[in-house]
Amino acid sequence: MSAVTVFSLTAGPAFSDSFKKEISKGNQAYRQGNFNEAAGHYRSAEIDRPGSPVAAYNLGTALVTGKNYEQAFPKLDEAASKLTGLELAKAYYNIGNGLFGAGKFQEAVGAYKKTLEINPNDRDAKYNLELALKMLEEKKKNQKNEKNQKQSEKNEKKNKSSSSASDSTQEKQNQTQPVNQEQQKSPDQKEQQKMARPKQQMTKEEAEQILAALKNEEMKVKKQKKSEAIPTVGGRDW
């Protein structure tokens, strides 16, 4: 991005010696790269001649070059309101540079366009305008990507929260409503399980009844065998 320039003064009765001296000292410090020192001289010149567009312009320019953008804009706007022609174009150009440095690319584009409206042949303004447009496009692209990233993270967080709530609900249902395995078994499985169950232990009375029944049965068998062993007297008539 091209550098800014400050105004120099020509000799004339309109300016006091003190004002001219401070402007001259400020310009010298500015060319040496001492922008804070230059700004101090321009402020002294403003005190000597309040409302001077030259002092306001030079002070604003020194502040822009020193990257004190927010302090620079009011001074450059003040100068622009009082300047005309190519001097006004320079003021807009410096305003554009300050806005560019502050990352305000949309506003910088507007300032460079105003410069070119006054001076269409300003190559530096054209170059800076193109650069500001590229930076603006890049900034919009980055903002869009950041927005999409935030939305993606928000959706992912929402899905995780939903999944966690669903798992928690299912776990509660499993705890409060245990599965009845007996109901889920088929009739064949139930019958097999019933047959496989061991018999319960008999009571004493049931055992005695079974033993008594076995003794009775045994006695009947003995009597039957005894009767079969004794021959029948006389036999049957034919």
C-alpha atoms as a PDB file:
ATOM      1  CA  MET A   1       0.000   0.000   0.000  1.00  0.00           C
ATOM      2  CA  SER A   2       1.369   3.404  -0.979  1.00  0.00           C
ATOM      3  CA  ALA A   3       2.536   5.895   1.647  1.00  0.00           C
ATOM      4  CA  VAL A   4       0.784   9.101   2.667  1.00  0.00           C
ATOM      5  CA  THR A   5       2.182  12.631   2.406  1.00  0.00           C
ATOM      6  CA  VAL A   6       2.016  15.789   4.485  1.00  0.00           C
ATOM      7  CA  PHE A   7       1.501  19.369   3.353  1.00  0.00           C
ATOM      8  CA  SER A   8       4.387  21.805   3.249  1.00  0.00           C
ATOM      9  CA  LEU A   9       3.882  25.550   3.563  1.00  0.00           C
ATOM     10  CA  THR A  10       4.929  28.354   1.232  1.00  0.00           C
ATOM     11  CA  ALA A  11       5.988  31.673   2.657  1.00  0.00           C
ATOM     12  CA  GLY A  12       3.232  34.207   3.125  1.00  0.00           C
ATOM     13  CA  PRO A  13       1.794  36.691   5.596  1.00  0.00           C
ATOM     14  CA  ALA A  14      -1.193  34.448   6.331  1.00  0.00           C
ATOM     15  CA  PHE A  15       0.838  32.215   8.662  1.00  0.00           C
ATOM     16  CA  SER A  16       2.697  33.290  11.801  1.00  0.00           C
ATOM     17  CA  ASP A  17       6.321  32.418  12.289  1.00  0.00           C
ATOM     18  CA  SER A  18       5.451  30.106  15.205  1.00  0.00           C
ATOM     19  CA  PHE A  19       2.869  28.178  13.166  1.00  0.00           C
ATOM     20  CA  LYS A  20       5.249  27.771  10.207  1.00  0.00           C
ATOM     21  CA  LYS A  21       8.043  26.678  12.515  1.00  0.00           C
ATOM     22  CA  GLU A  22       5.948  23.934  14.134  1.00  0.00           C
ATOM     23  CA  ILE A  23       4.703  22.693  10.770  1.00  0.00           C
ATOM     24  CA  SER A  24       8.245  22.641   9.418  1.00  0.00           C
ATOM     25  CA  LYS A  25       9.569  20.762  12.463  1.00  0.00           C
ATOM     26  CA  GLY A  26       6.680  18.341  12.229  1.00  0.00           C
ATOM     27  CA  ASN A  27       7.368  17.652   8.547  1.00  0.00           C
ATOM     28  CA  GLN A  28      11.039  17.051   9.251  1.00  0.00           C
ATOM     29  CA  ALA A  29      10.252  14.575  12.070  1.00  0.00           C
ATOM     30  CA  TYR A  30       7.681  12.872   9.841  1.00  0.00           C
ATOM     31  CA  ARG A  31      10.208  12.332   7.012  1.00  0.00           C
ATOM     32  CA  GLN A  32      12.628  10.841   9.530  1.00  0.00           C
ATOM     33  CA  GLY A  33       9.958   8.345  10.630  1.00  0.00           C
ATOM     34  CA  ASN A  34       9.389   9.971  14.044  1.00  0.00           C
ATOM     35  CA  PHE A  35       5.607  10.073  13.727  1.00  0.00           C
ATOM     36  CA  ASN A  36       4.788  10.677  17.395  1.00  0.00           C
ATOM     37  CA  GLU A  37       7.217  13.610  17.487  1.00  0.00           C
ATOM     38  CA  ALA A  38       5.704  14.967  14.275  1.00  0.00           C
ATOM     39  CA  ALA A  39       2.201  14.713  15.752  1.00  0.00           C
ATOM     40  CA  GLY A  40       3.385  16.764  18.748  1.00  0.00           C
ATOM     41  CA  HIS A  41       4.579  19.601  16.485  1.00  0.00           C
ATOM     42  CA  TYR A  42       1.346  19.570  14.505  1.00  0.00           C
ATOM     43  CA  ARG A  43      -0.658  19.830  17.716  1.00  0.00           C
ATOM     44  CA  SER A  44       1.425  22.860  18.684  1.00  0.00           C
ATOM     45  CA  ALA A  45       0.664  24.375  15.284  1.00  0.00           C
ATOM     46  CA  GLU A  46      -3.069  23.807  15.880  1.00  0.00           C
ATOM     47  CA  ILE A  47      -2.834  25.669  19.157  1.00  0.00           C
ATOM     48  CA  ASP A  48      -1.161  28.577  17.406  1.00  0.00           C
ATOM     49  CA  ARG A  49      -3.738  28.513  14.600  1.00  0.00           C
ATOM     50  CA  PRO A  50      -6.973  26.731  15.628  1.00  0.00           C
ATOM     51  CA  GLY A  51      -9.050  25.305  12.786  1.00  0.00           C
ATOM     52  CA  SER A  52      -6.211  25.220  10.281  1.00  0.00           C
ATOM     53  CA  PRO A  53      -6.902  22.475   7.669  1.00  0.00           C
ATOM     54  CA  VAL A  54      -3.137  22.160   7.079  1.00  0.00           C
ATOM     55  CA  ALA A  55      -2.427  21.425  10.754  1.00  0.00           C
ATOM     56  CA  ALA A  56      -5.430  19.070  10.962  1.00  0.00           C
ATOM     57  CA  TYR A  57      -4.433  17.250   7.781  1.00  0.00           C
ATOM     58  CA  ASN A  58      -0.777  16.860   8.790  1.00  0.00           C
ATOM     59  CA  LEU A  59      -1.704  15.749  12.317  1.00  0.00           C
ATOM     60  CA  GLY A  60      -4.188  13.200  10.950  1.00  0.00           C
ATOM     61  CA  THR A  61      -1.596  11.944   8.477  1.00  0.00           C
ATOM     62  CA  ALA A  62       1.064  11.500  11.192  1.00  0.00           C
ATOM     63  CA  LEU A  63      -1.425   9.610  13.366  1.00  0.00           C
ATOM     64  CA  VAL A  64      -2.423   7.314  10.480  1.00  0.00           C
ATOM     65  CA  THR A  65       1.197   6.516   9.668  1.00  0.00           C
ATOM     66  CA  GLY A  66       1.847   5.877  13.373  1.00  0.00           C
ATOM     67  CA  LYS A  67      -1.177   3.526  13.365  1.00  0.00           C
ATOM     68  CA  ASN A  68      -3.194   5.665  15.788  1.00  0.00           C
ATOM     69  CA  TYR A  69      -6.193   5.263  13.527  1.00  0.00           C
ATOM     70  CA  GLU A  70      -9.040   6.205  15.845  1.00  0.00           C
ATOM     71  CA  GLN A  71      -7.346   9.500  16.754  1.00  0.00           C
ATOM     72  CA  ALA A  72      -6.519  10.205  13.120  1.00  0.00           C
ATOM     73  CA  PHE A  73     -10.018   9.991  11.595  1.00  0.00           C
ATOM     74  CA  PRO A  74     -11.523  13.092  13.299  1.00  0.00           C
ATOM     75  CA  LYS A  75      -8.557  15.239  12.165  1.00  0.00           C
ATOM     76  CA  LEU A  76      -8.654  14.001   8.585  1.00  0.00           C
ATOM     77  CA  ASP A  77     -12.424  14.460   8.439  1.00  0.00           C
ATOM     78  CA  GLU A  78     -11.968  17.992   9.743  1.00  0.00           C
ATOM     79  CA  ALA A  79      -9.385  18.708   7.049  1.00  0.00           C
ATOM     80  CA  ALA A  80     -11.561  17.165   4.312  1.00  0.00           C
ATOM     81  CA  SER A  81     -14.434  19.448   5.256  1.00  0.00           C
ATOM     82  CA  LYS A  82     -12.214  22.504   4.522  1.00  0.00           C
ATOM     83  CA  LEU A  83     -10.069  21.367   1.586  1.00  0.00           C
ATOM     84  CA  THR A  84     -10.858  21.285  -2.122  1.00  0.00           C
ATOM     85  CA  GLY A  85      -9.417  19.896  -5.355  1.00  0.00           C
ATOM     86  CA  LEU A  86      -6.318  17.726  -5.235  1.00  0.00           C
ATOM     87  CA  GLU A  87      -5.750  18.560  -1.554  1.00  0.00           C
ATOM     88  CA  LEU A  88      -9.181  17.088  -0.764  1.00  0.00           C
ATOM     89  CA  ALA A  89      -8.307  14.012  -2.835  1.00  0.00           C
ATOM     90  CA  LYS A  90      -5.169  13.567  -0.721  1.00  0.00           C
ATOM     91  CA  ALA A  91      -7.220  13.835   2.461  1.00  0.00           C
ATOM     92  CA  TYR A  92      -9.590  11.084   1.273  1.00  0.00           C
ATOM     93  CA  TYR A  93      -6.589   9.000   0.249  1.00  0.00           C
ATOM     94  CA  ASN A  94      -5.091   9.249   3.731  1.00  0.00           C
ATOM     95  CA  ILE A  95      -8.474   8.499   5.291  1.00  0.00           C
ATOM     96  CA  GLY A  96      -8.640   5.402   3.104  1.00  0.00           C
ATOM     97  CA  ASN A  97      -5.204   4.305   4.275  1.00  0.00           C
ATOM     98  CA  GLY A  98      -6.213   4.745   7.904  1.00  0.00           C
ATOM     99  CA  LEU A  99      -9.412   2.742   7.420  1.00  0.00           C
ATOM    100  CA  PHE A 100      -7.461   0.034   5.595  1.00  0.00           C
ATOM    101  CA  GLY A 101      -4.956  -0.183   8.440  1.00  0.00           C
ATOM    102  CA  ALA A 102      -7.801  -0.490  10.961  1.00  0.00           C
ATOM    103  CA  GLY A 103      -9.249  -3.413   8.997  1.00  0.00           C
ATOM    104  CA  LYS A 104     -12.306  -1.425   7.897  1.00  0.00           C
ATOM    105  CA  PHE A 105     -12.034  -2.458   4.266  1.00  0.00           C
ATOM    106  CA  GLN A 106     -15.574  -1.546   3.222  1.00  0.00           C
ATOM    107  CA  GLU A 107     -15.106   2.040   4.440  1.00  0.00           C
ATOM    108  CA  ALA A 108     -11.618   2.187   2.879  1.00  0.00           C
ATOM    109  CA  VAL A 109     -13.100   1.268  -0.516  1.00  0.00           C
ATOM    110  CA  GLY A 110     -15.466   4.233  -0.207  1.00  0.00           C
ATOM    111  CA  ALA A 111     -12.639   6.650   0.657  1.00  0.00           C
ATOM    112  CA  TYR A 112     -10.479   5.518  -2.279  1.00  0.00           C
ATOM    113  CA  LYS A 113     -13.426   5.868  -4.624  1.00  0.00           C
ATOM    114  CA  LYS A 114     -13.900   9.474  -3.465  1.00  0.00           C
ATOM    115  CA  THR A 115     -10.217  10.089  -4.165  1.00  0.00           C
ATOM    116  CA  LEU A 116     -10.597   8.753  -7.715  1.00  0.00           C
ATOM    117  CA  GLU A 117     -13.747  10.788  -8.318  1.00  0.00           C
ATOM    118  CA  ILE A 118     -11.657  13.903  -7.753  1.00  0.00           C
ATOM    119  CA  ASN A 119      -8.443  12.620  -9.337  1.00  0.00           C
ATOM    120  CA  PRO A 120      -9.074   9.655 -11.698  1.00  0.00           C
ATOM    121  CA  ASN A 121      -5.358   9.523 -12.574  1.00  0.00           C
ATOM    122  CA  ASP A 122      -4.228   8.709  -9.017  1.00  0.00           C
ATOM    123  CA  ARG A 123      -2.485   5.350  -9.565  1.00  0.00           C
ATOM    124  CA  ASP A 124      -1.795   4.831  -5.856  1.00  0.00           C
ATOM    125  CA  ALA A 125      -5.490   5.206  -5.081  1.00  0.00           C
ATOM    126  CA  LYS A 126      -6.384   2.721  -7.828  1.00  0.00           C
ATOM    127  CA  TYR A 127      -3.893   0.183  -6.484  1.00  0.00           C
ATOM    128  CA  ASN A 128      -5.087   0.614  -2.904  1.00  0.00           C
ATOM    129  CA  LEU A 129      -8.716   0.354  -4.023  1.00  0.00           C
ATOM    130  CA  GLU A 130      -8.068  -3.001  -5.696  1.00  0.00           C
ATOM    131  CA  LEU A 131      -6.188  -4.215  -2.637  1.00  0.00           C
ATOM    132  CA  ALA A 132      -8.998  -3.118  -0.314  1.00  0.00           C
ATOM    133  CA  LEU A 133     -11.576  -4.937  -2.475  1.00  0.00           C
ATOM    134  CA  LYS A 134      -9.511  -8.147  -2.312  1.00  0.00           C
ATOM    135  CA  MET A 135      -9.138  -7.846   1.439  1.00  0.00           C
ATOM    136  CA  LEU A 136     -12.858  -7.198   1.795  1.00  0.00           C
ATOM    137  CA  GLU A 137     -13.687 -10.335  -0.187  1.00  0.00           C
ATOM    138  CA  GLU A 138     -11.260 -12.370   1.897  1.00  0.00           C
ATOM    139  CA  LYS A 139     -12.744 -10.980   5.098  1.00  0.00           C
ATOM    140  CA  LYS A 140     -16.279 -11.905   4.025  1.00  0.00           C
ATOM    141  CA  LYS A 141     -15.101 -15.394   3.088  1.00  0.00           C
ATOM    142  CA  ASN A 142     -13.457 -15.875   6.484  1.00  0.00           C
ATOM    143  CA  GLN A 143     -16.545 -14.607   8.283  1.00  0.00           C
ATOM    144  CA  LYS A 144     -18.706 -17.059   6.328  1.00  0.00           C
ATOM    145  CA  ASN A 145     -16.372 -19.941   7.169  1.00  0.00           C
ATOM    146  CA  GLU A 146     -16.381 -18.975  10.838  1.00  0.00           C
ATOM    147  CA  LYS A 147     -20.183 -18.807  10.817  1.00  0.00           C
ATOM    148  CA  ASN A 148     -20.442 -22.242   9.215  1.00  0.00           C
ATOM    149  CA  GLN A 149     -17.912 -23.642  11.693  1.00  0.00           C
ATOM    150  CA  LYS A 150     -19.844 -22.249  14.646  1.00  0.00           C
ATOM    151  CA  GLN A 151     -23.116 -23.636  13.251  1.00  0.00           C
ATOM    152  CA  SER A 152     -21.476 -27.022  12.731  1.00  0.00           C
ATOM    153  CA  GLU A 153     -20.155 -27.052  16.300  1.00  0.00           C
ATOM    154  CA  LYS A 154     -23.585 -25.985  17.575  1.00  0.00           C
ATOM    155  CA  ASN A 155     -25.309 -28.804  15.664  1.00  0.00           C
ATOM    156  CA  GLU A 156     -22.741 -31.330  16.868  1.00  0.00           C
ATOM    157  CA  LYS A 157     -23.226 -30.209  20.454  1.00  0.00           C
ATOM    158  CA  LYS A 158     -27.005 -30.421  20.051  1.00  0.00           C
ATOM    159  CA  ASN A 159     -26.771 -33.937  18.599  1.00  0.00           C
ATOM    160  CA  LYS A 160     -24.527 -35.083  21.453  1.00  0.00           C
ATOM    161  CA  SER A 161     -26.941 -33.625  23.989  1.00  0.00           C
ATOM    162  CA  SER A 162     -29.899 -35.356  22.268  1.00  0.00           C
ATOM    163  CA  SER A 163     -28.047 -38.682  22.143  1.00  0.00           C
ATOM    164  CA  SER A 164     -27.072 -38.420  25.801  1.00  0.00           C
ATOM    165  CA  ALA A 165     -30.667 -37.655  26.813  1.00  0.00           C
ATOM    166  CA  SER A 166     -31.939 -40.608  24.776  1.00  0.00           C
ATOM    167  CA  ASP A 167     -29.409 -42.979  26.358  1.00  0.00           C
ATOM    168  CA  SER A 168     -30.339 -41.723  29.806  1.00  0.00           C
ATOM    169  CA  THR A 169     -34.067 -42.254  29.119  1.00  0.00           C
ATOM    170  CA  GLN A 170     -33.444 -45.780  27.818  1.00  0.00           C
ATOM    171  CA  GLU A 171     -31.361 -46.606  30.865  1.00  0.00           C
ATOM    172  CA  LYS A 172     -34.135 -45.400  33.171  1.00  0.00           C
ATOM    173  CA  GLN A 173     -36.672 -47.475  31.300  1.00  0.00           C
ATOM    174  CA  ASN A 174     -34.450 -50.529  31.620  1.00  0.00           C
ATOM    175  CA  GLN A 175     -34.187 -49.920  35.359  1.00  0.00           C
ATOM    176  CA  THR A 176     -37.862 -49.221  36.044  1.00  0.00           C
ATOM    177  CA  GLN A 177     -39.316 -51.697  33.539  1.00  0.00           C
ATOM    178  CA  PRO A 178     -37.195 -54.894  33.618  1.00  0.00           C
ATOM    179  CA  VAL A 179     -37.790 -57.329  30.796  1.00  0.00           C
ATOM    180  CA  ASN A 180     -40.024 -60.246  31.784  1.00  0.00           C
ATOM    181  CA  GLN A 181     -37.938 -63.081  30.395  1.00  0.00           C
ATOM    182  CA  GLU A 182     -40.576 -65.598  31.312  1.00  0.00           C
ATOM    183  CA  GLN A 183     -43.129 -63.874  29.059  1.00  0.00           C
ATOM    184  CA  GLN A 184     -40.694 -63.797  26.153  1.00  0.00           C
ATOM    185  CA  LYS A 185     -40.188 -67.584  26.122  1.00  0.00           C
ATOM    186  CA  SER A 186     -42.059 -69.762  23.608  1.00  0.00           C
ATOM    187  CA  PRO A 187     -44.541 -72.479  24.793  1.00  0.00           C
ATOM    188  CA  ASP A 188     -42.009 -75.207  23.949  1.00  0.00           C
ATOM    189  CA  GLN A 189     -39.330 -73.495  25.975  1.00  0.00           C
ATOM    190  CA  LYS A 190     -41.698 -73.114  28.917  1.00  0.00           C
ATOM    191  CA  GLU A 191     -42.636 -76.837  28.773  1.00  0.00           C
ATOM    192  CA  GLN A 192     -39.012 -77.907  28.553  1.00  0.00           C
ATOM    193  CA  GLN A 193     -38.138 -75.681  31.454  1.00  0.00           C
ATOM    194  CA  LYS A 194     -41.045 -77.113  33.454  1.00  0.00           C
ATOM    195  CA  MET A 195     -39.903 -80.694  32.768  1.00  0.00           C
ATOM    196  CA  ALA A 196     -36.342 -79.838  33.620  1.00  0.00           C
ATOM    197  CA  ARG A 197     -37.262 -78.448  37.027  1.00  0.00           C
ATOM    198  CA  PRO A 198     -36.381 -80.828  39.916  1.00  0.00           C
ATOM    199  CA  LYS A 199     -39.280 -82.249  41.895  1.00  0.00           C
ATOM    200  CA  GLN A 200     -39.939 -80.763  45.245  1.00  0.00           C
ATOM    201  CA  GLN A 201     -39.106 -82.897  48.324  1.00  0.00           C
ATOM    202  CA  MET A 202     -42.009 -85.131  49.555  1.00  0.00           C
ATOM    203  CA  THR A 203     -43.472 -84.677  52.946  1.00  0.00           C
ATOM    204  CA  LYS A 204     -43.292 -87.461  55.559  1.00  0.00           C
ATOM    205  CA  GLU A 205     -47.000 -88.240  55.185  1.00  0.00           C
ATOM    206  CA  GLU A 206     -46.673 -88.580  51.404  1.00  0.00           C
ATOM    207  CA  ALA A 207     -43.738 -90.967  51.823  1.00  0.00           C
ATOM    208  CA  GLU A 208     -45.641 -93.138  54.321  1.00  0.00           C
ATOM    209  CA  GLN A 209     -48.663 -93.325  52.004  1.00  0.00           C
ATOM    210  CA  ILE A 210     -46.466 -94.403  49.094  1.00  0.00           C
ATOM    211  CA  LEU A 211     -44.754 -97.058  51.236  1.00  0.00           C
ATOM    212  CA  ALA A 212     -48.094 -98.358  52.445  1.00  0.00           C
ATOM    213  CA  ALA A 213     -49.373 -98.582  48.895  1.00  0.00           C
ATOM    214  CA  LEU A 214     -46.251-100.472  47.839  1.00  0.00           C
ATOM    215  CA  LYS A 215     -46.662-102.968  50.718  1.00  0.00           C
ATOM    216  CA  ASN A 216     -50.295-103.593  49.798  1.00  0.00           C
ATOM    217  CA  GLU A 217     -49.328-104.156  46.199  1.00  0.00           C
ATOM    218  CA  GLU A 218     -46.565-106.515  47.249  1.00  0.00           C
ATOM    219  CA  MET A 219     -48.963-108.555  49.428  1.00  0.00           C
ATOM    220  CA  LYS A 220     -51.443-108.886  46.567  1.00  0.00           C
ATOM    221  CA  VAL A 221     -48.705-110.176  44.286  1.00  0.00           C
ATOM    222  CA  LYS A 222     -47.645-112.793  46.874  1.00  0.00           C
ATOM    223  CA  LYS A 223     -51.213-114.029  47.390  1.00  0.00           C
ATOM    224  CA  GLN A 224     -51.732-114.332  43.655  1.00  0.00           C
ATOM    225  CA  LYS A 225     -48.568-116.345  43.182  1.00  0.00           C
ATOM    226  CA  LYS A 226     -49.534-118.667  46.132  1.00  0.00           C
ATOM    227  CA  SER A 227     -52.994-119.376  44.725  1.00  0.00           C
ATOM    228  CA  GLU A 228     -51.558-120.225  41.336  1.00  0.00           C
ATOM    229  CA  ALA A 229     -49.242-122.827  42.912  1.00  0.00           C
ATOM    230  CA  ILE A 230     -52.178-124.878  44.532  1.00  0.00           C
ATOM    231  CA  PRO A 231     -53.918-127.294  42.037  1.00  0.00           C
ATOM    232  CA  THR A 232     -57.672-127.021  41.594  1.00  0.00           C
ATOM    233  CA  VAL A 233     -59.642-130.055  42.943  1.00  0.00           C
ATOM    234  CA  GLY A 234     -61.739-132.046  40.464  1.00  0.00           C
ATOM    235  CA  GLY A 235     -61.076-129.878  37.522  1.00  0.00           C
ATOM    236  CA  ARG A 236     -63.717-128.408  35.172  1.00  0.00           C
ATOM    237  CA  ASP A 237     -66.535-130.265  33.514  1.00  0.00           C
ATOM    238  CA  TRP A 238     -66.369-130.554  29.803  1.00  0.00           C
END
